[in-house]
Amino acid sequence: MALPVSPLAPQTHAVPPAIAGVRFATAEAGIRYKGRTDVLLAVFDPGTVVAGVLTRSLCPSAAVDWCRAQLPAGSARALVVNSGNANAFTGLKGIEAVGLTAEIAAKAVGCRPDEVFLASTGVIGEPLDARKFDGVLQRLAGELADAPWMGPARAIMTTDTFPKLAEARLDIDGTEIAIAGIAKGSGMIAPDMATMLSFVFTDAPIAAPVLQALLARHNRTSFNAITVDSDTSTSDTLLAFATGKAAIDPITDLDDPRAEAFGQALGDVLFELAMQVVRDGEGATKFVTITVRSAQSDESAEKIARAIADSPLVKTAIAGEDANWGRVVMAVGKAGQPADRDRLTIAFGDITVARNGERAPDYSEEAASAYMKGQDLAITVDMGLGTGEASVYTCDLTHGYIDINGSYRS
């Protein structure tokens, strides 16, 4: 049964441009869902390079293991993504499934199996019948097109209530460079590298090591800075493909100023996709930015912000529109990071609720309660200890989350 669209969903969707050297098609393979697309095949021209960051979960899916083995070569000709089955915790059957999928895709598009990248999302622990791809991928190889991106974005959805797309264009040496991105994710979101699945495509001619460095750098402040429910997926996969079709000299050095410009645009795409994932958090009604300032270090600030963002007590208070700053104090205290209770300042939006270890003298419960009724909220904690700063993005925790996950397999 389709879920209602999140109240935090964007009013409009980005319309990413066609990327020279990238074509794709989608199909219904009946992996788990009925009456909806669940397979994406993307095909890349020869010379396409790939970079990626993968889950650091110690129980990764078979597809993650496959991608990890292929990434060092830095080249790609195809991507196959399925939704409905994560092919995780499936033992030898999972290994056989990814091998067979890669063989079927390679034969369909005319490349080697080790040039095929794979990603799966859905239920954990159920074997994936890769034979369902036989015939489907061959047919898709004859239906490839370079637009629109809405098809691929929908094909990779599971409990998502809206497709997630982002795009950027920048001028390098007088030539327009295009970046297109799609993502999926709604629950089991506390990425330790990326969201559950995200794929970015560009026509920039950029060396794989440079693309890898930029992807890892900007992932830290986008996908790795979000949390819905504190649960890191077995399937987290972020892959970037660069076809090199844009008519500029290749970017081969991270110190090249053009690499910095491209990295900023790439970071914008990753950040936009990550924020859409939070806005589609299962059962979410509030989008929340947690910022910690004046911590001993950026790393310490990030850990404190995440402790706040992951706290069920903080998240349920937000769902109830309760300006319960005491729960924020609790989360700061449990984070295991340097903190001085009597130096803490806490603000909800522009309203300072606590200062120097106690309720702020000018605190207004009425003003704070009115602020909490908004959809986009900000909580700021000043530690008063140093210059470290970090932001983590999250959502509230409502009964809707329980409804979705209590019936996920039934």
Protein backbone atom coordinates (compact mmCIF):
# COMPACT_ATOMS: atom_id res chain seq x y z
CA MET A 1 0.00 0.00 0.00
CA ALA A 2 1.39 3.40 -1.00
CA LEU A 3 2.27 5.72 1.85
CA PRO A 4 1.02 9.32 1.86
CA VAL A 5 3.60 11.82 0.65
CA SER A 6 5.65 13.31 3.46
CA PRO A 7 4.42 16.73 4.61
CA LEU A 8 8.07 17.84 4.36
CA ALA A 9 8.36 16.91 0.68
CA PRO A 10 9.62 19.64 -1.66
CA GLN A 11 6.90 21.37 -3.64
CA THR A 12 8.75 20.82 -6.91
CA HIS A 13 11.28 18.31 -8.17
CA ALA A 14 14.58 19.12 -9.81
CA VAL A 15 14.81 18.25 -13.49
CA PRO A 16 18.37 17.02 -14.00
CA PRO A 17 19.81 17.43 -17.48
CA ALA A 18 20.76 14.62 -19.80
CA ILE A 19 24.37 13.58 -19.18
CA ALA A 20 26.36 12.80 -22.31
CA GLY A 21 27.48 9.19 -22.17
CA VAL A 22 24.73 8.05 -19.76
CA ARG A 23 21.55 6.22 -20.76
CA PHE A 24 19.09 4.28 -18.65
CA ALA A 25 15.83 2.35 -18.51
CA THR A 26 13.61 0.87 -15.79
CA ALA A 27 11.31 -2.13 -15.52
CA GLU A 28 9.02 -4.15 -13.28
CA ALA A 29 10.80 -7.40 -12.47
CA GLY A 30 8.57 -8.44 -9.57
CA ILE A 31 11.43 -8.56 -7.08
CA ARG A 32 8.98 -7.84 -4.25
CA TYR A 33 6.58 -5.12 -5.32
CA LYS A 34 3.65 -5.45 -7.68
CA GLY A 35 2.63 -2.79 -10.15
CA ARG A 36 5.73 -0.61 -9.82
CA THR A 37 9.19 -0.41 -11.34
CA ASP A 38 11.88 -2.07 -9.27
CA VAL A 39 14.91 -2.40 -11.54
CA LEU A 40 17.16 0.31 -12.98
CA LEU A 41 19.76 -0.30 -15.67
CA ALA A 42 22.15 2.54 -16.47
CA VAL A 43 24.73 2.17 -19.24
CA PHE A 44 27.86 4.30 -19.66
CA ASP A 45 30.02 4.98 -22.68
CA PRO A 46 33.54 3.52 -22.72
CA GLY A 47 35.98 5.62 -20.71
CA THR A 48 33.58 6.32 -17.85
CA VAL A 49 35.28 6.44 -14.45
CA VAL A 50 33.66 5.62 -11.11
CA ALA A 51 34.18 6.53 -7.46
CA GLY A 52 32.24 5.44 -4.43
CA VAL A 53 31.83 5.30 -0.70
CA LEU A 54 30.20 2.27 0.86
CA THR A 55 28.72 1.35 4.19
CA ARG A 56 31.10 0.62 7.04
CA SER A 57 28.55 -1.74 8.53
CA LEU A 58 30.23 -5.02 9.45
CA CYS A 59 27.23 -6.85 7.98
CA PRO A 60 27.30 -5.45 4.42
CA SER A 61 25.13 -6.65 1.57
CA ALA A 62 26.50 -8.83 -1.22
CA ALA A 63 26.16 -5.90 -3.63
CA VAL A 64 28.29 -3.69 -1.36
CA ASP A 65 31.00 -6.37 -1.30
CA TRP A 66 30.81 -6.59 -5.10
CA CYS A 67 31.20 -2.81 -5.55
CA ARG A 68 34.05 -2.68 -3.03
CA ALA A 69 35.93 -5.27 -5.09
CA GLN A 70 35.39 -3.42 -8.40
CA LEU A 71 36.00 0.19 -7.29
CA PRO A 72 39.84 0.10 -7.29
CA ALA A 73 39.86 -0.34 -11.08
CA GLY A 74 38.03 3.00 -11.37
CA SER A 75 36.07 2.20 -14.53
CA ALA A 76 32.41 1.39 -15.17
CA ARG A 77 30.14 0.49 -18.07
CA ALA A 78 26.86 -0.32 -16.32
CA LEU A 79 24.87 0.01 -13.11
CA VAL A 80 22.07 -2.31 -12.01
CA VAL A 81 19.88 -1.36 -9.05
CA ASN A 82 16.95 -3.26 -7.62
CA SER A 83 14.50 -2.36 -4.88
CA GLY A 84 12.49 -4.68 -2.66
CA ASN A 85 15.32 -7.03 -1.67
CA ALA A 86 18.60 -5.90 -0.08
CA ASN A 87 20.44 -9.17 -0.82
CA ALA A 88 22.03 -8.79 2.61
CA PHE A 89 22.73 -11.60 5.08
CA THR A 90 22.10 -14.10 2.32
CA GLY A 91 25.37 -16.06 2.49
CA LEU A 92 26.63 -17.95 -0.54
CA LYS A 93 23.29 -17.40 -2.30
CA GLY A 94 23.88 -13.65 -2.14
CA ILE A 95 27.37 -13.99 -3.61
CA GLU A 96 26.02 -16.15 -6.42
CA ALA A 97 23.20 -13.66 -7.06
CA VAL A 98 25.52 -10.68 -7.59
CA GLY A 99 27.79 -12.73 -9.82
CA LEU A 100 24.88 -13.87 -11.97
CA THR A 101 23.38 -10.37 -12.11
CA ALA A 102 26.69 -8.93 -13.30
CA GLU A 103 27.01 -11.65 -15.94
CA ILE A 104 23.48 -11.03 -17.24
CA ALA A 105 24.03 -7.26 -17.36
CA ALA A 106 27.45 -7.58 -19.00
CA LYS A 107 26.04 -9.76 -21.74
CA ALA A 108 23.13 -7.36 -22.26
CA VAL A 109 25.27 -4.23 -22.66
CA GLY A 110 28.45 -5.73 -24.11
CA CYS A 111 31.04 -5.32 -21.37
CA ARG A 112 32.90 -7.34 -18.75
CA PRO A 113 31.11 -8.35 -15.51
CA ASP A 114 33.70 -6.45 -13.46
CA GLU A 115 32.62 -3.24 -15.22
CA VAL A 116 29.09 -3.64 -13.84
CA PHE A 117 28.20 -2.01 -10.51
CA LEU A 118 25.34 -3.28 -8.39
CA ALA A 119 23.12 -2.00 -5.60
CA SER A 120 20.16 -3.54 -3.82
CA THR A 121 17.74 -2.19 -1.24
CA GLY A 122 14.81 -3.68 0.63
CA VAL A 123 14.25 -6.58 2.99
CA ILE A 124 17.32 -8.08 4.68
CA GLY A 125 17.80 -11.84 4.93
CA GLU A 126 15.77 -12.99 1.93
CA PRO A 127 17.67 -14.52 -1.02
CA LEU A 128 17.52 -12.51 -4.24
CA ASP A 129 16.53 -14.55 -7.28
CA ALA A 130 18.86 -13.07 -9.90
CA ARG A 131 17.18 -15.14 -12.60
CA LYS A 132 14.44 -12.51 -12.56
CA PHE A 133 16.92 -10.16 -14.26
CA ASP A 134 17.39 -12.55 -17.19
CA GLY A 135 15.44 -11.22 -20.14
CA VAL A 136 14.57 -8.01 -18.26
CA LEU A 137 18.06 -6.51 -18.56
CA GLN A 138 18.34 -7.58 -22.19
CA ARG A 139 15.06 -5.82 -22.93
CA LEU A 140 16.11 -2.71 -21.03
CA ALA A 141 19.37 -2.56 -22.99
CA GLY A 142 17.22 -1.97 -26.08
CA GLU A 143 15.13 0.77 -24.43
CA LEU A 144 17.87 3.07 -23.14
CA ALA A 145 17.34 6.83 -23.13
CA ASP A 146 19.08 9.82 -21.55
CA ALA A 147 15.93 11.31 -19.95
CA PRO A 148 13.82 11.84 -17.93
CA TRP A 149 15.51 11.10 -14.60
CA MET A 150 12.20 10.65 -12.79
CA GLY A 151 12.05 7.03 -13.94
CA PRO A 152 15.33 5.98 -12.30
CA ALA A 153 14.50 7.96 -9.15
CA ARG A 154 11.21 6.09 -8.75
CA ALA A 155 12.60 2.64 -9.57
CA ILE A 156 14.98 2.66 -6.58
CA MET A 157 12.35 3.66 -3.97
CA THR A 158 11.21 1.41 -1.10
CA THR A 159 9.31 3.15 1.72
CA ASP A 160 10.16 6.53 0.18
CA THR A 161 7.10 8.71 -0.35
CA PHE A 162 8.64 10.86 -3.07
CA PRO A 163 11.47 10.53 -5.62
CA LYS A 164 14.71 12.37 -4.84
CA LEU A 165 16.53 14.24 -7.58
CA ALA A 166 19.12 17.03 -7.70
CA GLU A 167 21.20 18.75 -10.35
CA ALA A 168 23.94 21.31 -10.80
CA ARG A 169 25.61 23.02 -13.72
CA LEU A 170 28.85 24.95 -13.68
CA ASP A 171 31.11 26.65 -16.15
CA ILE A 172 34.64 25.31 -16.50
CA ASP A 173 36.88 26.82 -19.17
CA GLY A 174 33.84 28.21 -20.98
CA THR A 175 32.09 24.83 -21.15
CA GLU A 176 29.00 23.87 -19.17
CA ILE A 177 29.54 20.85 -16.95
CA ALA A 178 26.42 19.00 -15.83
CA ILE A 179 25.80 16.89 -12.71
CA ALA A 180 22.67 14.82 -12.11
CA GLY A 181 21.87 12.90 -8.94
CA ILE A 182 19.21 10.56 -7.59
CA ALA A 183 18.82 8.96 -4.16
CA LYS A 184 16.54 6.78 -2.11
CA GLY A 185 16.15 6.58 1.62
CA SER A 186 13.49 7.00 4.27
CA GLY A 187 14.22 4.64 7.16
CA MET A 188 17.29 2.80 8.46
CA ILE A 189 19.11 6.09 7.99
CA ALA A 190 22.22 6.91 9.99
CA PRO A 191 24.70 6.72 7.14
CA ASP A 192 28.29 5.81 7.87
CA MET A 193 29.19 6.90 4.36
CA ALA A 194 26.02 7.65 2.37
CA THR A 195 22.29 7.21 2.30
CA MET A 196 20.96 3.77 1.53
CA LEU A 197 21.44 4.34 -2.20
CA SER A 198 22.57 7.39 -4.16
CA PHE A 199 23.97 7.75 -7.64
CA VAL A 200 25.53 10.82 -9.23
CA PHE A 201 26.41 11.26 -12.90
CA THR A 202 28.49 13.91 -14.68
CA ASP A 203 30.03 14.57 -18.07
CA ALA A 204 33.17 16.06 -16.49
CA PRO A 205 36.49 14.55 -17.62
CA ILE A 206 37.98 13.85 -14.21
CA ALA A 207 40.43 11.22 -13.02
CA ALA A 208 38.98 8.52 -10.78
CA PRO A 209 41.31 9.32 -7.81
CA VAL A 210 40.29 13.00 -7.92
CA LEU A 211 36.60 12.10 -8.15
CA GLN A 212 37.05 9.68 -5.25
CA ALA A 213 38.68 12.32 -3.04
CA LEU A 214 36.00 14.91 -3.79
CA LEU A 215 33.17 12.43 -3.25
CA ALA A 216 34.55 11.36 0.13
CA ARG A 217 35.14 14.97 1.21
CA HIS A 218 31.68 16.24 0.41
CA ASN A 219 29.96 13.09 1.63
CA ARG A 220 31.09 13.97 5.17
CA THR A 221 28.97 17.12 5.28
CA SER A 222 25.99 15.72 3.37
CA PHE A 223 25.00 12.07 3.71
CA ASN A 224 27.22 11.44 6.71
CA ALA A 225 25.61 14.42 8.46
CA ILE A 226 22.07 13.05 8.46
CA THR A 227 20.14 10.65 10.67
CA VAL A 228 16.52 9.53 10.72
CA ASP A 229 16.61 6.72 13.24
CA SER A 230 20.30 6.13 14.16
CA ASP A 231 20.38 2.82 12.23
CA THR A 232 23.17 2.39 9.69
CA SER A 233 22.09 0.34 6.68
CA THR A 234 23.79 -2.81 5.47
CA SER A 235 23.40 -1.45 1.93
CA ASP A 236 24.62 2.17 2.03
CA THR A 237 26.05 2.91 -1.41
CA LEU A 238 27.05 6.22 -2.98
CA LEU A 239 28.52 5.97 -6.47
CA ALA A 240 29.61 8.74 -8.83
CA PHE A 241 30.13 8.16 -12.55
CA ALA A 242 32.01 10.59 -14.82
CA THR A 243 31.79 9.99 -18.57
CA GLY A 244 34.42 12.56 -19.59
CA LYS A 245 32.32 13.78 -22.51
CA ALA A 246 32.59 17.51 -21.73
CA ALA A 247 35.07 19.25 -24.03
CA ILE A 248 37.62 20.47 -21.50
CA ASP A 249 41.09 19.30 -20.54
CA PRO A 250 40.87 16.46 -18.03
CA ILE A 251 41.03 17.27 -14.32
CA THR A 252 43.81 15.02 -13.07
CA ASP A 253 45.07 16.83 -9.96
CA LEU A 254 43.24 17.63 -6.74
CA ASP A 255 45.17 20.91 -6.57
CA ASP A 256 43.72 22.04 -9.91
CA PRO A 257 41.38 25.01 -9.15
CA ARG A 258 38.84 23.38 -11.48
CA ALA A 259 38.69 20.41 -9.13
CA GLU A 260 37.64 22.70 -6.29
CA ALA A 261 34.92 24.29 -8.43
CA PHE A 262 33.62 20.91 -9.53
CA GLY A 263 33.77 19.66 -5.94
CA GLN A 264 31.61 22.51 -4.72
CA ALA A 265 28.94 21.72 -7.33
CA LEU A 266 29.16 18.02 -6.50
CA GLY A 267 28.79 18.89 -2.82
CA ASP A 268 25.66 20.91 -3.56
CA VAL A 269 24.07 17.92 -5.28
CA LEU A 270 24.98 15.54 -2.46
CA PHE A 271 23.69 17.96 0.18
CA GLU A 272 20.37 18.48 -1.59
CA LEU A 273 19.83 14.74 -1.97
CA ALA A 274 20.72 14.13 1.69
CA MET A 275 18.28 16.78 2.88
CA GLN A 276 15.52 15.20 0.80
CA VAL A 277 16.22 11.89 2.53
CA VAL A 278 15.68 13.52 5.93
CA ARG A 279 12.52 15.22 4.69
CA ASP A 280 11.23 11.78 3.73
CA GLY A 281 12.09 10.23 7.09
CA GLU A 282 9.53 7.56 7.92
CA GLY A 283 6.62 9.22 9.68
CA ALA A 284 8.41 12.59 9.84
CA THR A 285 6.54 15.85 10.36
CA LYS A 286 9.48 18.10 11.32
CA PHE A 287 12.85 18.80 9.69
CA VAL A 288 15.46 19.66 12.31
CA THR A 289 18.96 21.14 12.08
CA ILE A 290 21.12 20.47 15.14
CA THR A 291 24.18 22.74 15.35
CA VAL A 292 26.84 22.51 18.04
CA ARG A 293 29.30 25.37 18.37
CA SER A 294 32.31 26.21 20.53
CA ALA A 295 33.13 22.57 21.20
CA GLN A 296 36.69 21.40 21.78
CA SER A 297 36.94 20.18 18.18
CA ASP A 298 34.84 19.68 15.06
CA GLU A 299 34.81 15.93 15.74
CA SER A 300 33.57 16.50 19.29
CA ALA A 301 30.89 18.89 18.03
CA GLU A 302 29.70 16.29 15.49
CA LYS A 303 29.41 13.58 18.13
CA ILE A 304 27.42 15.84 20.45
CA ALA A 305 25.13 16.99 17.63
CA ARG A 306 24.52 13.37 16.64
CA ALA A 307 23.74 12.38 20.23
CA ILE A 308 21.04 15.05 20.25
CA ALA A 309 19.74 14.16 16.79
CA ASP A 310 19.57 10.44 17.59
CA SER A 311 17.88 10.79 20.98
CA PRO A 312 14.35 9.29 20.97
CA LEU A 313 13.45 11.61 23.84
CA VAL A 314 14.54 14.71 21.92
CA LYS A 315 12.86 13.52 18.72
CA THR A 316 9.54 12.67 20.38
CA ALA A 317 9.51 16.02 22.18
CA ILE A 318 9.92 17.69 18.79
CA ALA A 319 7.07 15.57 17.41
CA GLY A 320 4.92 16.75 20.32
CA GLU A 321 5.94 20.39 19.68
CA ASP A 322 7.38 20.52 23.19
CA ALA A 323 10.34 22.86 23.78
CA ASN A 324 11.82 20.41 26.26
CA TRP A 325 15.39 21.69 26.38
CA GLY A 326 16.11 19.44 29.35
CA ARG A 327 16.26 16.52 26.93
CA VAL A 328 18.88 18.38 24.89
CA VAL A 329 20.94 18.81 28.06
CA MET A 330 20.59 15.07 28.67
CA ALA A 331 21.84 14.26 25.18
CA VAL A 332 24.83 16.59 25.53
CA GLY A 333 25.74 14.93 28.80
CA LYS A 334 25.57 11.38 27.44
CA ALA A 335 27.62 12.08 24.32
CA GLY A 336 30.90 11.24 26.05
CA GLN A 337 32.53 14.45 24.88
CA PRO A 338 34.09 17.34 26.83
CA ALA A 339 31.29 19.47 28.28
CA ASP A 340 30.83 21.96 31.09
CA ARG A 341 27.24 22.14 32.28
CA ASP A 342 27.65 25.70 33.52
CA ARG A 343 28.88 27.00 30.14
CA LEU A 344 26.07 25.58 28.01
CA THR A 345 23.79 27.85 26.01
CA ILE A 346 20.84 26.28 24.19
CA ALA A 347 18.58 27.98 21.66
CA PHE A 348 15.50 26.86 19.74
CA GLY A 349 15.59 29.05 16.66
CA ASP A 350 16.33 32.57 17.88
CA ILE A 351 14.94 31.84 21.33
CA THR A 352 17.56 31.22 24.01
CA VAL A 353 16.05 28.68 26.39
CA ALA A 354 19.02 27.93 28.64
CA ARG A 355 22.18 29.78 29.57
CA ASN A 356 25.07 29.09 31.96
CA GLY A 357 23.68 25.85 33.32
CA GLU A 358 20.11 26.93 33.98
CA ARG A 359 16.96 28.23 32.34
CA ALA A 360 17.53 31.58 30.67
CA PRO A 361 16.15 34.46 32.80
CA ASP A 362 14.24 35.86 29.83
CA TYR A 363 12.92 32.46 28.67
CA SER A 364 9.36 32.54 27.33
CA GLU A 365 7.52 29.21 27.28
CA GLU A 366 4.86 30.77 25.09
CA ALA A 367 7.37 31.92 22.48
CA ALA A 368 9.23 28.60 22.51
CA SER A 369 6.00 26.61 22.16
CA ALA A 370 4.91 28.76 19.24
CA TYR A 371 8.27 28.19 17.53
CA MET A 372 8.00 24.41 17.89
CA LYS A 373 4.83 24.37 15.78
CA GLY A 374 6.87 25.11 12.66
CA GLN A 375 7.95 22.43 10.19
CA ASP A 376 11.60 23.50 9.86
CA LEU A 377 13.31 23.81 13.23
CA ALA A 378 16.82 24.61 14.45
CA ILE A 379 18.40 23.68 17.77
CA THR A 380 21.74 25.30 18.60
CA VAL A 381 24.04 24.36 21.45
CA ASP A 382 27.02 26.53 22.38
CA MET A 383 29.49 24.50 24.44
CA GLY A 384 31.66 27.46 25.47
CA LEU A 385 34.84 25.39 25.24
CA GLY A 386 36.59 26.00 21.91
CA THR A 387 36.14 26.55 18.18
CA GLY A 388 34.73 23.20 17.07
CA GLU A 389 31.47 23.27 15.11
CA ALA A 390 29.25 20.77 13.29
CA SER A 391 25.68 20.36 12.09
CA VAL A 392 23.59 17.20 11.90
CA TYR A 393 20.23 17.07 10.15
CA THR A 394 17.36 14.94 11.40
CA CYS A 395 13.59 14.67 11.78
CA ASP A 396 11.12 13.99 14.56
CA LEU A 397 10.00 10.55 15.71
CA THR A 398 6.26 9.95 15.44
CA HIS A 399 3.91 7.00 15.70
CA GLY A 400 4.03 6.89 11.93
CA TYR A 401 7.56 5.46 12.16
CA ILE A 402 6.26 2.58 14.26
CA ASP A 403 3.33 1.98 11.91
CA ILE A 404 5.63 1.72 8.90
CA ASN A 405 8.31 -0.45 10.46
CA GLY A 406 5.95 -2.59 12.52
CA SER A 407 4.31 -3.77 9.31
CA TYR A 408 7.27 -3.60 6.90
CA ARG A 409 7.30 -7.32 6.08
CA SER A 410 3.61 -8.04 6.60
